[in-house]
Structure formats: structure tokens, C-alpha cells
Amino acid sequence: SQILIMFKSSGINAEYGHTEQPGLDFKDTELTYRSKSWLELVRSLLVLKSCTYPLFVQNAETLMRASRKILGARTFDYIMKRSFYGQFAGGENIAELRPCVENLARYDVRTMLNYSVEADVVGHVTDSVGHVTDESSCEKHLEILLHAIQSSKDVCAGGRPFSSFKITGLTSPDLLYQFAEILIGIRSFFEQQSTVSCTSGNLPEDIRSNTDLLVNRVITRDALVHITGSDLFNSADITGSLDYHQFQEFMLNNPDALAKLGLALTEEIVLGNARLQDRLEQIVRKAKKLNAGIMVDAEQTYLQPAIDYFTRLLMRAHNLEQVYIFNTYQCYLKSTASTLTLDLHHAMGSGYKLGVKLVRGAYMEQERGRAVELGYESPIHESKADTDRAYDAMIDALLVSLQQDKCRFLAGTHNDTSINYLMHRISQLNIPKNKVYFGQLYGLCDPTTFQLGLNGYTVFKAVAWGPVPAVLPFLARRAQENTGVVGGETRELDLLKAELWRRFTRLNLKLIRS
């Protein structure tokens, strides 16, 4: 596949996690867990241990919804706040969030608030869609997000405030899906008909030499005339060739050209896009007024092209002197190498700074299930090793851009090898520690987070918040994600046990001495 070709020359491998370099040290559990009470340690141990059982994890959301019906909302919410919800979410409102944020700040960990309510198309495993988010719901969600940005400023004392959100709460997921289908069609045509033109001279050599990446390809006017039998550019003053973003922009502005590809940008989609862009602009204006950063969360592949499109428009307009908007790139997708390198090149050539949150991904089971249901190739890498190599390769590309002051990025990862590699590269390239952000989910990988904070790096906890029932899909994905992080290795569970034993023995000694 295209991403594996790039790795052959990248020279990146797991050995970086074992060389002499800045790295994580988990020997002192007292220091690592200094922010945790007895009860919090016990809860973490029980919740994370439950995430190692596949049968529970695979049915987590179903079990939670059934339990809420049986127990009733009040009892269920009470139990959840003292178990899964309390482990992975900071509270239902800003008042409940404040103690969580203040506690993290005491230990040099910053907070990124994530209002974890989302929407999806109905029947996401098929081509049919039927759910329509009404405009009043979108406006209410906008008000909540604007309040959340203000609240992040109020509660995140010290340092620049950050928030994250999902675009699907601000528009009809069905219209977003339809627009994404158009963008997928445009990209598919470009992938099939483009030719090599290696112009990515400001990116690393392994990217420049990979002719499968879209950043190194163009589509020519002559080629289109030959292929289609007509001139798709006949209404525009275009000569020579277009890169991918130029071609995408041209197609979206020319309905006749879209029609020749069997695509239709309907009036309903155009109006929905305009309403969404207006809401997004309101969010960015609020963020800029408060000097806050906002991170747009990634979602499913059948929605992501539209999310990428709107986020890139925002970055191009507002990330000029400072980065306010960050887009999320999921490295478990085979297409991410092309998407991210395209956007890096576009930002460098268009005079704005790319904001990147680099993650591995959170919809693996759903994406693979949909691919099987609809009979297409899975968009997910075949192995975790492929995803790990993809992640570390993108780190190098981002560091090159960062040195040119053309991007800012947050490495959202729980993987110690990737973290150690990035720490090594930061040191090797003499990049100030505050230029790169690290991030982990609240309730998971606390040893990693607090070790980074202790070593002077800028590190965030992504703290989910929102009503208990609305956050259930988020909690279910956390359980699924934790199966790989916790189930694949017992280190965090072992550290929790070690710290509990240390506290227990110290307590016994105190009792004996008294």
C-alpha cells in the first residue's frame, strides 16, 4: 500500500524506544500517582481491568443502555459517576469540571475540554441515511460549545485554554455525509487520473520520493480532455495542471464538471454547508477573542472528508500568525499519509500554519464492520505495527514543518515507543519543549502524562464532559480503545497495584509505629 512504500526509506522503527535518549521512567509510583486518592486508584484498577475482557468491551454500550433502563436514570447515573463515567469524564457541567481541572493543573498537566456529545447518520453500516438534525438542536449545541470555550478560559488557570468538539453536532450528519461522498468522488477521480509531479520540495525526502502520495501528483488539462472527451476546464482560465486541492476547489465551483463525474452538489447541501460554516466561524471568533485553541475531533471515514474540508478552510483563514484551529489526523487510516502531507504542503504554499492533532484512531471496529458489510477494502491498516510506523513517520514530517514555523501539533498517543521517539527527536533537533504538545485521555495512561509533565513537556489531558446518557457512545469507545492499550500490556495495571501496595504497607508501618 502507499503508506508502506514510504516507510521503506523512513528509517523509523521501534528501536528508537530503546536507545539512549530522553525517555519515560515509571520506577517512582509515588511521584507518578501523587495526584490520586486511594479511591481513585482502586477505581482505576477495577475499570481498566474490566477493559481487558473482550466480551464486556464488545457489548459495553448495549450493556450500559440496558442497565439504564433497568436501574432507572438516577441510579444508573449515580453508579456511572463512581465508575466508568468518573474514570473517563470530568463532569456533566462546568461546575463539576472545575475540581478536576484544578487538580491536574497542580501537577503541571493542562486540560483540553471535550464536550463529548456527537451525532451519526442512521444505518451507518449501509448506504442509507435517514437521520436529520434539526436546526434548533444545532443552534443549542453551538451555544453549549461557545459556553465551553469561555469556560475553558475561566477554569484553565495558567496557560492557553484548549477545547475540542465534533462537527457533527453543528449540522445534519446526513448532509455532511452527502457532501463527503462528493469529496470522495473527486478524490477517487484524481487518484485514478493524476500523473507524477514531485513538487513537495519542502517536505522530507521519503515523502518527496513517494510518487503514490497525492502531494506528488497533478492532473493535467490535456489528460482530462482525452479521458472525458470534453474539456472540464472550458469555463475557467486554467493552463497546465492542477494539484489535488486546486482540482477539488475547481470541481466544487463548477456544477457541470461535477455532473460529468456523476456527482451533484444540491441546493440543500449548499445551504447546509453555509449554515455549518457560519457556526464554525462563530466558534473561531470566540476562540480568537479569548486566545484559545480549538481542536476539531476526527469522526468516521464516511464523514471525515467533509470535516477535513471545512477545518482546512478555517485554518487557511485564521491560522496566520498563530494557530487557533487544529484538525485531527488518524494514523490507523491508510489514506492519512496522503491527506496529512497534502495539507502540510498546502499550508506551506498558501501562507498559513497547519494545526495538527495526531492520533492513531478511535473507530476501528466500526470502520472494519462497515467495510465488511458493504464489501469494500477496509480503510484501516492491517496490523498495529503498520499503524505504529505510520504514526512515527508522520511525526518526522511534522517536525520538518515545525522547524519552518509552518505548523503546530499535538501528539495524542499512549504509545511509549512513539513518545520516546518524539522526545528523542525534540532533543536531537534542539526544538524547545513547549513547541510540541503531548496529550492523553483523561482516565488512561496517567503514568505517561504525569512523567511528561514532570520532565517539563507541555502535556494535556483530554477531559470529556457532558450529560451521562449522551456520553455513553464515547465511554464505549474508550472501553474498546483501552482493550488494546491495557489488554496488550499489563504495565499500567501493575503500576496501579504497586502504588496501592506501597500505600498499604506504609499505612501498616504507621499503625505499627503508633
Protein backbone atom coordinates (compact mmCIF):
# COMPACT_ATOMS: atom_id res chain seq x y z
CA SER A 1 0.00 0.00 0.00
CA GLN A 2 1.07 3.60 -0.45
CA ILE A 3 1.97 4.23 3.16
CA LEU A 4 4.18 1.17 3.46
CA ILE A 5 6.18 2.32 0.44
CA MET A 6 7.02 5.48 2.31
CA PHE A 7 8.23 3.56 5.34
CA LYS A 8 10.88 1.70 3.36
CA SER A 9 13.00 4.82 3.25
CA SER A 10 11.91 6.41 6.51
CA GLY A 11 14.34 4.52 8.72
CA ILE A 12 11.84 4.61 11.56
CA ASN A 13 11.46 1.58 13.75
CA ALA A 14 10.79 0.52 17.30
CA GLU A 15 14.49 0.56 18.17
CA TYR A 16 14.21 4.28 18.89
CA GLY A 17 12.28 3.35 22.00
CA HIS A 18 15.30 1.52 23.40
CA THR A 19 18.27 3.76 22.63
CA GLU A 20 19.99 6.20 24.97
CA GLN A 21 17.72 9.24 24.82
CA PRO A 22 15.23 11.22 26.85
CA GLY A 23 12.57 8.77 27.94
CA LEU A 24 9.86 7.88 30.41
CA ASP A 25 10.72 6.39 33.79
CA PHE A 26 7.97 4.76 35.84
CA LYS A 27 10.02 3.49 38.77
CA ASP A 28 8.71 6.04 41.29
CA THR A 29 4.99 5.26 41.57
CA GLU A 30 4.61 7.68 44.50
CA LEU A 31 5.60 10.55 42.24
CA THR A 32 3.60 9.24 39.29
CA TYR A 33 0.36 8.85 41.25
CA ARG A 34 0.75 11.77 43.62
CA SER A 35 -2.49 13.33 42.31
CA LYS A 36 -4.61 10.23 43.02
CA SER A 37 -6.52 9.36 46.17
CA TRP A 38 -6.95 5.82 47.47
CA LEU A 39 -10.43 5.55 46.00
CA GLU A 40 -9.31 6.90 42.61
CA LEU A 41 -6.53 4.31 42.42
CA VAL A 42 -8.93 1.47 43.25
CA ARG A 43 -11.45 2.72 40.70
CA SER A 44 -8.76 2.99 38.02
CA LEU A 45 -7.59 -0.55 38.72
CA LEU A 46 -11.10 -2.02 38.54
CA VAL A 47 -12.23 -0.07 35.47
CA LEU A 48 -9.06 -0.64 33.47
CA LYS A 49 -9.02 -4.31 34.44
CA SER A 50 -12.59 -4.69 33.13
CA CYS A 51 -11.37 -3.27 29.80
CA THR A 52 -9.20 -6.36 29.34
CA TYR A 53 -12.28 -8.60 28.91
CA PRO A 54 -13.31 -8.63 25.21
CA LEU A 55 -16.87 -9.87 25.82
CA PHE A 56 -17.60 -6.91 28.10
CA VAL A 57 -15.90 -4.39 25.83
CA GLN A 58 -17.64 -5.54 22.64
CA ASN A 59 -21.03 -5.07 24.28
CA ALA A 60 -20.24 -2.09 26.52
CA GLU A 61 -22.68 0.43 25.03
CA THR A 62 -25.52 -2.11 24.81
CA LEU A 63 -24.93 -3.15 28.42
CA MET A 64 -24.84 0.45 29.62
CA ARG A 65 -28.07 1.39 27.85
CA ALA A 66 -29.83 -1.75 29.10
CA SER A 67 -28.64 -1.06 32.64
CA ARG A 68 -30.00 2.47 32.49
CA LYS A 69 -33.44 1.15 31.52
CA ILE A 70 -33.43 -1.49 34.28
CA LEU A 71 -31.99 0.63 37.09
CA GLY A 72 -33.55 3.92 36.11
CA ALA A 73 -31.73 7.09 35.10
CA ARG A 74 -30.98 8.37 38.59
CA THR A 75 -29.49 5.15 39.97
CA PHE A 76 -27.60 4.38 36.76
CA ASP A 77 -26.08 7.87 36.58
CA TYR A 78 -25.03 7.64 40.24
CA ILE A 79 -23.23 4.33 39.64
CA MET A 80 -21.63 5.52 36.39
CA LYS A 81 -20.24 8.67 38.01
CA ARG A 82 -18.45 6.46 40.50
CA SER A 83 -17.17 4.01 37.91
CA PHE A 84 -16.76 4.35 34.11
CA TYR A 85 -18.04 7.88 33.71
CA GLY A 86 -15.99 9.05 36.69
CA GLN A 87 -12.90 7.38 35.27
CA PHE A 88 -13.09 8.86 31.76
CA ALA A 89 -15.20 12.04 32.10
CA GLY A 90 -14.74 15.14 34.22
CA GLY A 91 -18.37 16.02 34.87
CA GLU A 92 -21.75 16.93 33.41
CA ASN A 93 -21.22 20.69 33.63
CA ILE A 94 -18.56 23.31 34.21
CA ALA A 95 -19.10 23.37 37.96
CA GLU A 96 -18.31 19.65 38.15
CA LEU A 97 -15.31 20.09 35.85
CA ARG A 98 -13.55 22.75 37.91
CA PRO A 99 -12.11 20.50 40.68
CA CYS A 100 -10.81 18.06 38.02
CA VAL A 101 -9.08 20.83 36.04
CA GLU A 102 -7.58 22.43 39.16
CA ASN A 103 -6.22 19.10 40.40
CA LEU A 104 -4.47 18.40 37.08
CA ALA A 105 -3.01 21.91 36.99
CA ARG A 106 -1.35 21.34 40.38
CA TYR A 107 0.81 18.67 38.74
CA ASP A 108 1.79 20.57 35.56
CA VAL A 109 -0.86 18.92 33.39
CA ARG A 110 -3.04 21.13 31.24
CA THR A 111 -6.63 20.40 30.27
CA MET A 112 -8.35 20.14 26.92
CA LEU A 113 -12.11 20.14 27.45
CA ASN A 114 -14.05 17.86 25.12
CA TYR A 115 -17.84 18.16 25.01
CA SER A 116 -18.35 14.51 24.08
CA VAL A 117 -21.81 14.58 22.52
CA GLU A 118 -21.94 13.51 18.89
CA ALA A 119 -24.33 12.59 16.10
CA ASP A 120 -24.17 9.99 13.35
CA VAL A 121 -26.13 9.01 10.28
CA VAL A 122 -28.74 6.33 10.79
CA GLY A 123 -27.72 2.98 9.33
CA HIS A 124 -24.04 3.83 9.21
CA VAL A 125 -23.23 0.27 8.10
CA THR A 126 -25.25 0.75 4.93
CA ASP A 127 -25.52 3.38 2.24
CA SER A 128 -28.88 4.59 3.51
CA VAL A 129 -29.20 7.67 5.68
CA GLY A 130 -32.27 8.89 7.45
CA HIS A 131 -31.43 10.99 10.47
CA VAL A 132 -31.80 14.74 10.25
CA THR A 133 -30.53 17.01 13.00
CA ASP A 134 -32.94 19.94 13.28
CA GLU A 135 -31.59 23.47 13.20
CA SER A 136 -32.72 24.27 16.74
CA SER A 137 -30.60 21.38 18.06
CA CYS A 138 -27.60 22.65 16.11
CA GLU A 139 -28.05 26.15 17.50
CA LYS A 140 -28.35 24.79 21.03
CA HIS A 141 -25.19 22.76 20.52
CA LEU A 142 -23.42 25.87 19.22
CA GLU A 143 -24.39 27.77 22.36
CA ILE A 144 -23.01 24.95 24.52
CA LEU A 145 -19.70 24.94 22.60
CA LEU A 146 -19.33 28.72 22.83
CA HIS A 147 -20.00 28.47 26.56
CA ALA A 148 -17.46 25.63 26.79
CA ILE A 149 -14.76 27.76 25.15
CA GLN A 150 -15.48 30.59 27.57
CA SER A 151 -15.48 28.14 30.46
CA SER A 152 -12.15 26.65 29.36
CA LYS A 153 -10.71 30.14 29.72
CA ASP A 154 -12.32 30.55 33.14
CA VAL A 155 -11.30 27.19 34.63
CA CYS A 156 -7.93 26.54 32.96
CA ALA A 157 -5.83 28.86 35.07
CA GLY A 158 -2.32 29.33 33.72
CA GLY A 159 -1.51 28.62 30.09
CA ARG A 160 -3.57 28.91 26.98
CA PRO A 161 -7.02 27.22 27.13
CA PHE A 162 -7.92 24.46 24.69
CA SER A 163 -11.22 22.81 23.79
CA SER A 164 -12.20 20.11 21.33
CA PHE A 165 -15.51 19.35 19.66
CA LYS A 166 -17.19 17.30 16.95
CA ILE A 167 -18.56 18.98 13.84
CA THR A 168 -21.49 16.54 13.64
CA GLY A 169 -23.22 18.36 16.49
CA LEU A 170 -23.40 21.53 14.38
CA THR A 171 -25.10 20.27 11.22
CA SER A 172 -27.18 17.47 9.76
CA PRO A 173 -24.97 14.36 9.71
CA ASP A 174 -26.85 13.29 6.58
CA LEU A 175 -25.94 16.45 4.68
CA LEU A 176 -22.37 16.12 5.90
CA TYR A 177 -22.38 12.52 4.66
CA GLN A 178 -23.69 13.57 1.23
CA PHE A 179 -21.04 16.28 0.90
CA ALA A 180 -18.34 13.83 1.99
CA GLU A 181 -19.49 11.45 -0.76
CA ILE A 182 -18.90 14.22 -3.31
CA LEU A 183 -15.41 14.87 -1.95
CA ILE A 184 -14.65 11.14 -2.01
CA GLY A 185 -15.74 11.02 -5.66
CA ILE A 186 -13.47 13.96 -6.54
CA ARG A 187 -10.52 12.37 -4.77
CA SER A 188 -11.14 8.99 -6.37
CA PHE A 189 -11.11 10.57 -9.85
CA PHE A 190 -7.90 12.45 -9.07
CA GLU A 191 -6.20 9.30 -7.73
CA GLN A 192 -7.06 7.40 -10.90
CA GLN A 193 -6.22 10.07 -13.48
CA SER A 194 -3.36 12.10 -11.96
CA THR A 195 0.28 11.87 -13.02
CA VAL A 196 3.56 12.23 -11.14
CA SER A 197 4.89 15.72 -10.50
CA CYS A 198 7.14 15.73 -7.43
CA THR A 199 6.85 19.30 -6.17
CA SER A 200 6.89 18.66 -2.40
CA GLY A 201 10.43 20.00 -2.04
CA ASN A 202 9.80 21.40 1.45
CA LEU A 203 8.90 18.02 2.93
CA PRO A 204 11.20 15.11 3.98
CA GLU A 205 12.97 13.13 1.25
CA ASP A 206 10.97 9.94 1.88
CA ILE A 207 7.80 11.91 1.11
CA ARG A 208 9.27 13.63 -1.94
CA SER A 209 10.34 10.28 -3.37
CA ASN A 210 7.00 8.54 -2.87
CA THR A 211 5.07 9.06 -6.11
CA ASP A 212 1.98 7.32 -4.73
CA LEU A 213 1.31 10.17 -2.30
CA LEU A 214 -1.16 12.69 -3.71
CA VAL A 215 1.12 15.58 -2.77
CA ASN A 216 3.40 14.40 -5.60
CA ARG A 217 0.69 14.16 -8.26
CA VAL A 218 -1.18 16.56 -10.56
CA ILE A 219 -3.96 16.30 -13.10
CA THR A 220 -3.47 17.96 -16.48
CA ARG A 221 -5.98 19.72 -18.69
CA ASP A 222 -4.93 17.67 -21.69
CA ALA A 223 -5.40 14.44 -19.74
CA LEU A 224 -8.94 15.39 -18.75
CA VAL A 225 -9.90 16.29 -22.31
CA HIS A 226 -8.51 12.98 -23.53
CA ILE A 227 -10.24 10.93 -20.80
CA THR A 228 -13.67 12.55 -20.80
CA GLY A 229 -13.96 13.58 -24.44
CA SER A 230 -14.69 17.14 -23.33
CA ASP A 231 -12.90 19.95 -21.55
CA LEU A 232 -13.85 20.06 -17.88
CA PHE A 233 -11.91 23.31 -17.64
CA ASN A 234 -13.72 25.03 -20.50
CA SER A 235 -15.23 27.67 -18.21
CA ALA A 236 -12.03 28.55 -16.40
CA ASP A 237 -8.81 30.28 -17.28
CA ILE A 238 -6.58 27.30 -16.45
CA THR A 239 -3.50 26.11 -18.24
CA GLY A 240 -1.08 23.31 -17.48
CA SER A 241 -2.04 21.23 -14.45
CA LEU A 242 -3.74 21.32 -11.06
CA ASP A 243 -2.65 19.79 -7.77
CA TYR A 244 -5.24 18.00 -5.67
CA HIS A 245 -6.53 20.97 -3.67
CA GLN A 246 -6.72 23.14 -6.79
CA PHE A 247 -8.63 20.41 -8.61
CA GLN A 248 -11.01 19.94 -5.66
CA GLU A 249 -11.72 23.68 -5.48
CA PHE A 250 -12.33 23.89 -9.23
CA MET A 251 -14.75 20.95 -9.19
CA LEU A 252 -16.77 22.28 -6.26
CA ASN A 253 -17.17 25.62 -8.03
CA ASN A 254 -18.30 24.02 -11.32
CA PRO A 255 -21.56 22.01 -11.15
CA ASP A 256 -21.26 20.98 -14.81
CA ALA A 257 -17.84 19.50 -14.18
CA LEU A 258 -19.17 17.63 -11.14
CA ALA A 259 -22.06 16.28 -13.19
CA LYS A 260 -19.62 14.76 -15.69
CA LEU A 261 -18.26 12.71 -12.79
CA GLY A 262 -21.77 11.67 -11.77
CA LEU A 263 -21.76 13.97 -8.72
CA ALA A 264 -24.33 16.60 -7.72
CA LEU A 265 -23.89 19.43 -5.24
CA THR A 266 -27.56 20.02 -4.41
CA GLU A 267 -29.05 23.26 -3.12
CA GLU A 268 -29.81 21.51 0.18
CA ILE A 269 -26.14 20.57 0.63
CA VAL A 270 -25.00 24.09 -0.29
CA LEU A 271 -27.38 25.67 2.25
CA GLY A 272 -26.37 23.14 4.92
CA ASN A 273 -22.69 23.87 4.26
CA ALA A 274 -23.32 27.63 4.55
CA ARG A 275 -25.08 27.22 7.90
CA LEU A 276 -22.28 24.98 9.18
CA GLN A 277 -19.58 27.43 8.07
CA ASP A 278 -21.39 30.27 9.85
CA ARG A 279 -21.47 28.29 13.11
CA LEU A 280 -17.82 27.33 12.76
CA GLU A 281 -16.88 30.98 12.20
CA GLN A 282 -18.69 31.93 15.40
CA ILE A 283 -16.66 29.32 17.29
CA VAL A 284 -13.37 30.56 15.83
CA ARG A 285 -14.20 34.20 16.56
CA LYS A 286 -14.87 33.27 20.17
CA ALA A 287 -11.62 31.31 20.38
CA LYS A 288 -9.57 34.14 18.89
CA LYS A 289 -11.12 36.66 21.26
CA LEU A 290 -10.02 34.51 24.22
CA ASN A 291 -6.71 33.41 22.63
CA ALA A 292 -7.95 29.83 22.93
CA GLY A 293 -7.05 26.81 20.83
CA ILE A 294 -9.77 24.58 19.40
CA MET A 295 -9.29 21.04 18.14
CA VAL A 296 -11.75 19.50 15.70
CA ASP A 297 -12.20 15.83 16.51
CA ALA A 298 -11.95 13.13 13.86
CA GLU A 299 -15.00 11.02 13.11
CA GLN A 300 -15.90 8.13 10.79
CA THR A 301 -14.37 7.85 7.32
CA TYR A 302 -17.73 8.42 5.63
CA LEU A 303 -17.87 11.86 7.29
CA GLN A 304 -14.18 12.74 7.63
CA PRO A 305 -13.51 14.18 4.14
CA ALA A 306 -16.13 16.88 4.78
CA ILE A 307 -14.74 17.56 8.25
CA ASP A 308 -11.23 17.89 6.79
CA TYR A 309 -12.52 20.28 4.12
CA PHE A 310 -14.26 22.69 6.49
CA THR A 311 -11.43 22.59 9.03
CA ARG A 312 -8.86 23.37 6.35
CA LEU A 313 -10.93 26.39 5.25
CA LEU A 314 -10.90 27.65 8.83
CA MET A 315 -7.15 27.14 9.19
CA ARG A 316 -6.44 28.91 5.91
CA ALA A 317 -8.46 31.94 7.03
CA HIS A 318 -7.38 32.16 10.69
CA ASN A 319 -4.10 30.28 11.33
CA LEU A 320 -1.91 33.07 10.01
CA GLU A 321 0.32 34.42 12.79
CA GLN A 322 -0.89 31.99 15.44
CA VAL A 323 -2.53 28.56 15.37
CA TYR A 324 -6.09 28.63 16.67
CA ILE A 325 -7.57 25.62 14.85
CA PHE A 326 -6.23 22.06 14.89
CA ASN A 327 -7.52 19.21 12.74
CA THR A 328 -7.28 15.57 13.85
CA TYR A 329 -5.47 13.02 11.67
CA GLN A 330 -5.98 9.31 12.38
CA CYS A 331 -2.89 7.28 11.55
CA TYR A 332 -4.70 3.93 11.53
CA LEU A 333 -6.20 5.02 8.18
CA LYS A 334 -4.28 4.01 5.07
CA SER A 335 -5.12 7.38 3.50
CA THR A 336 -3.66 9.56 6.26
CA ALA A 337 -0.15 9.76 4.78
CA SER A 338 -1.58 11.34 1.63
CA THR A 339 -4.06 13.56 3.46
CA LEU A 340 -1.62 14.98 6.01
CA THR A 341 1.27 15.53 3.58
CA LEU A 342 -1.16 17.24 1.18
CA ASP A 343 -2.31 19.57 3.92
CA LEU A 344 1.23 20.29 5.11
CA HIS A 345 2.25 21.21 1.57
CA HIS A 346 -0.90 23.27 1.07
CA ALA A 347 -0.28 25.24 4.28
CA MET A 348 3.35 25.90 3.33
CA GLY A 349 2.34 27.14 -0.12
CA SER A 350 -0.70 29.16 0.99
CA GLY A 351 0.83 31.12 3.85
CA TYR A 352 -0.96 29.68 6.85
CA LYS A 353 0.05 27.36 9.68
CA LEU A 354 -1.37 23.87 9.91
CA GLY A 355 -2.71 22.79 13.28
CA VAL A 356 -2.49 19.01 13.78
CA LYS A 357 -3.66 16.62 16.45
CA LEU A 358 -2.01 13.32 15.54
CA VAL A 359 -3.77 10.22 16.86
CA ARG A 360 -3.96 6.55 16.00
CA GLY A 361 -7.77 6.35 15.78
CA ALA A 362 -10.92 5.51 17.70
CA TYR A 363 -13.41 3.88 15.30
CA MET A 364 -11.55 0.73 14.29
CA GLU A 365 -14.27 -1.85 14.97
CA GLN A 366 -16.97 0.27 13.34
CA GLU A 367 -14.85 1.01 10.26
CA ARG A 368 -13.92 -2.62 9.71
CA GLY A 369 -17.50 -3.74 10.26
CA ARG A 370 -18.83 -1.27 7.71
CA ALA A 371 -16.21 -2.37 5.17
CA VAL A 372 -17.28 -5.99 5.56
CA GLU A 373 -20.98 -5.08 5.36
CA LEU A 374 -20.60 -3.05 2.17
CA GLY A 375 -17.90 -5.21 0.60
CA TYR A 376 -15.06 -2.73 0.16
CA GLU A 377 -11.43 -2.75 1.31
CA SER A 378 -11.01 -1.80 4.94
CA PRO A 379 -9.62 1.74 5.30
CA ILE A 380 -7.73 0.61 8.41
CA HIS A 381 -4.16 -0.67 8.38
CA GLU A 382 -3.95 -4.44 8.57
CA SER A 383 -1.78 -4.50 11.70
CA LYS A 384 -0.96 -2.38 14.71
CA ALA A 385 2.69 -2.39 13.59
CA ASP A 386 1.68 -0.67 10.33
CA THR A 387 -0.23 1.96 12.29
CA ASP A 388 2.73 2.49 14.63
CA ARG A 389 5.08 3.01 11.69
CA ALA A 390 2.60 5.41 10.10
CA TYR A 391 2.40 7.44 13.30
CA ASP A 392 6.15 7.79 13.72
CA ALA A 393 6.63 8.63 10.04
CA MET A 394 4.12 11.48 10.33
CA ILE A 395 5.96 12.77 13.41
CA ASP A 396 9.06 13.30 11.26
CA ALA A 397 7.09 15.13 8.56
CA LEU A 398 5.51 17.39 11.18
CA LEU A 399 8.84 18.18 12.82
CA VAL A 400 10.26 19.35 9.47
CA SER A 401 7.28 21.68 9.05
CA LEU A 402 7.52 22.81 12.68
CA GLN A 403 11.15 23.84 12.21
CA GLN A 404 9.98 26.08 9.36
CA ASP A 405 7.31 27.55 11.68
CA LYS A 406 4.58 26.23 9.37
CA CYS A 407 2.70 24.05 11.84
CA ARG A 408 1.96 23.26 15.46
CA PHE A 409 1.00 19.78 16.56
CA LEU A 410 -0.20 17.71 19.47
CA ALA A 411 0.94 14.10 19.65
CA GLY A 412 -2.13 12.38 21.04
CA THR A 413 -0.76 8.97 21.93
CA HIS A 414 -0.49 6.44 24.76
CA ASN A 415 2.29 4.55 22.98
CA ASP A 416 5.56 4.79 24.91
CA THR A 417 7.70 3.97 21.89
CA SER A 418 6.23 6.86 19.89
CA ILE A 419 6.51 9.20 22.87
CA ASN A 420 10.12 8.24 23.50
CA TYR A 421 10.89 8.65 19.80
CA LEU A 422 9.34 12.12 19.72
CA MET A 423 11.18 13.15 22.90
CA HIS A 424 14.41 11.93 21.28
CA ARG A 425 13.76 13.90 18.08
CA ILE A 426 12.85 17.07 20.00
CA SER A 427 16.17 16.83 21.84
CA GLN A 428 18.13 15.88 18.71
CA LEU A 429 16.74 18.84 16.70
CA ASN A 430 17.05 21.31 19.61
CA ILE A 431 13.36 22.12 19.46
CA PRO A 432 12.06 23.87 22.61
CA LYS A 433 9.89 21.53 24.67
CA ASN A 434 6.96 23.93 24.63
CA LYS A 435 6.75 23.86 20.81
CA VAL A 436 5.30 20.34 20.74
CA TYR A 437 2.25 19.26 22.70
CA PHE A 438 1.57 15.80 24.10
CA GLY A 439 -1.86 14.54 25.01
CA GLN A 440 -3.56 11.54 26.61
CA LEU A 441 -7.14 10.75 27.51
CA TYR A 442 -8.36 11.52 30.99
CA GLY A 443 -8.51 8.33 33.00
CA LEU A 444 -5.95 6.47 30.92
CA CYS A 445 -2.14 6.35 30.87
CA ASP A 446 -1.74 8.58 33.91
CA PRO A 447 1.88 7.44 34.45
CA THR A 448 2.78 8.69 30.96
CA THR A 449 1.01 12.02 31.37
CA PHE A 450 2.50 12.88 34.74
CA GLN A 451 6.00 11.77 33.71
CA LEU A 452 5.84 14.14 30.73
CA GLY A 453 4.70 16.98 32.99
CA LEU A 454 7.49 16.26 35.47
CA ASN A 455 10.04 16.42 32.63
CA GLY A 456 8.94 19.89 31.52
CA TYR A 457 6.91 18.99 28.42
CA THR A 458 3.59 20.62 27.60
CA VAL A 459 1.11 17.83 28.19
CA PHE A 460 -2.69 17.77 28.11
CA LYS A 461 -5.38 15.54 29.47
CA ALA A 462 -8.36 15.42 27.10
CA VAL A 463 -11.21 15.66 29.60
CA ALA A 464 -14.61 14.60 28.31
CA TRP A 465 -17.73 16.20 29.73
CA GLY A 466 -21.45 16.21 29.09
CA PRO A 467 -24.66 14.50 30.27
CA VAL A 468 -24.15 10.87 31.25
CA PRO A 469 -26.54 9.31 28.67
CA ALA A 470 -25.21 11.47 25.83
CA VAL A 471 -21.61 10.47 26.58
CA LEU A 472 -22.30 6.69 26.51
CA PRO A 473 -21.00 6.20 22.91
CA PHE A 474 -17.79 7.98 23.92
CA LEU A 475 -17.43 5.78 27.01
CA ALA A 476 -17.99 2.63 24.93
CA ARG A 477 -15.20 3.64 22.54
CA ARG A 478 -12.90 4.31 25.49
CA ALA A 479 -13.53 0.77 26.68
CA GLN A 480 -12.77 -0.58 23.19
CA GLU A 481 -9.64 1.55 22.84
CA ASN A 482 -8.45 0.52 26.28
CA THR A 483 -8.66 -3.14 25.29
CA GLY A 484 -5.65 -2.54 23.04
CA VAL A 485 -3.81 -0.21 25.39
CA VAL A 486 -4.46 -2.07 28.64
CA GLY A 487 -5.10 -5.58 27.37
CA GLY A 488 -1.96 -5.65 25.26
CA GLU A 489 0.29 -4.95 28.21
CA THR A 490 -0.15 -5.04 31.96
CA ARG A 491 2.23 -2.21 32.85
CA GLU A 492 -0.38 0.33 33.94
CA LEU A 493 -2.28 -2.27 35.93
CA ASP A 494 0.99 -3.38 37.52
CA LEU A 495 1.88 0.21 38.41
CA LEU A 496 -1.54 0.76 39.99
CA LYS A 497 -1.12 -2.43 42.05
CA ALA A 498 2.40 -1.38 43.05
CA GLU A 499 1.26 2.03 44.25
CA LEU A 500 -1.68 0.60 46.17
CA TRP A 501 0.66 -1.91 47.82
CA ARG A 502 3.16 0.86 48.64
CA ARG A 503 0.45 2.93 50.30
CA PHE A 504 -0.92 -0.10 52.14
CA THR A 505 2.47 -1.10 53.54
CA ARG A 506 3.26 2.49 54.51
CA LEU A 507 -0.09 2.70 56.32
CA ASN A 508 0.69 -0.55 58.16
CA LEU A 509 4.07 0.80 59.22
CA LYS A 510 2.45 3.95 60.57
CA LEU A 511 -0.07 1.87 62.51
CA ILE A 512 2.69 -0.33 63.94
CA ARG A 513 4.77 2.67 65.00
CA SER A 514 1.79 4.31 66.63
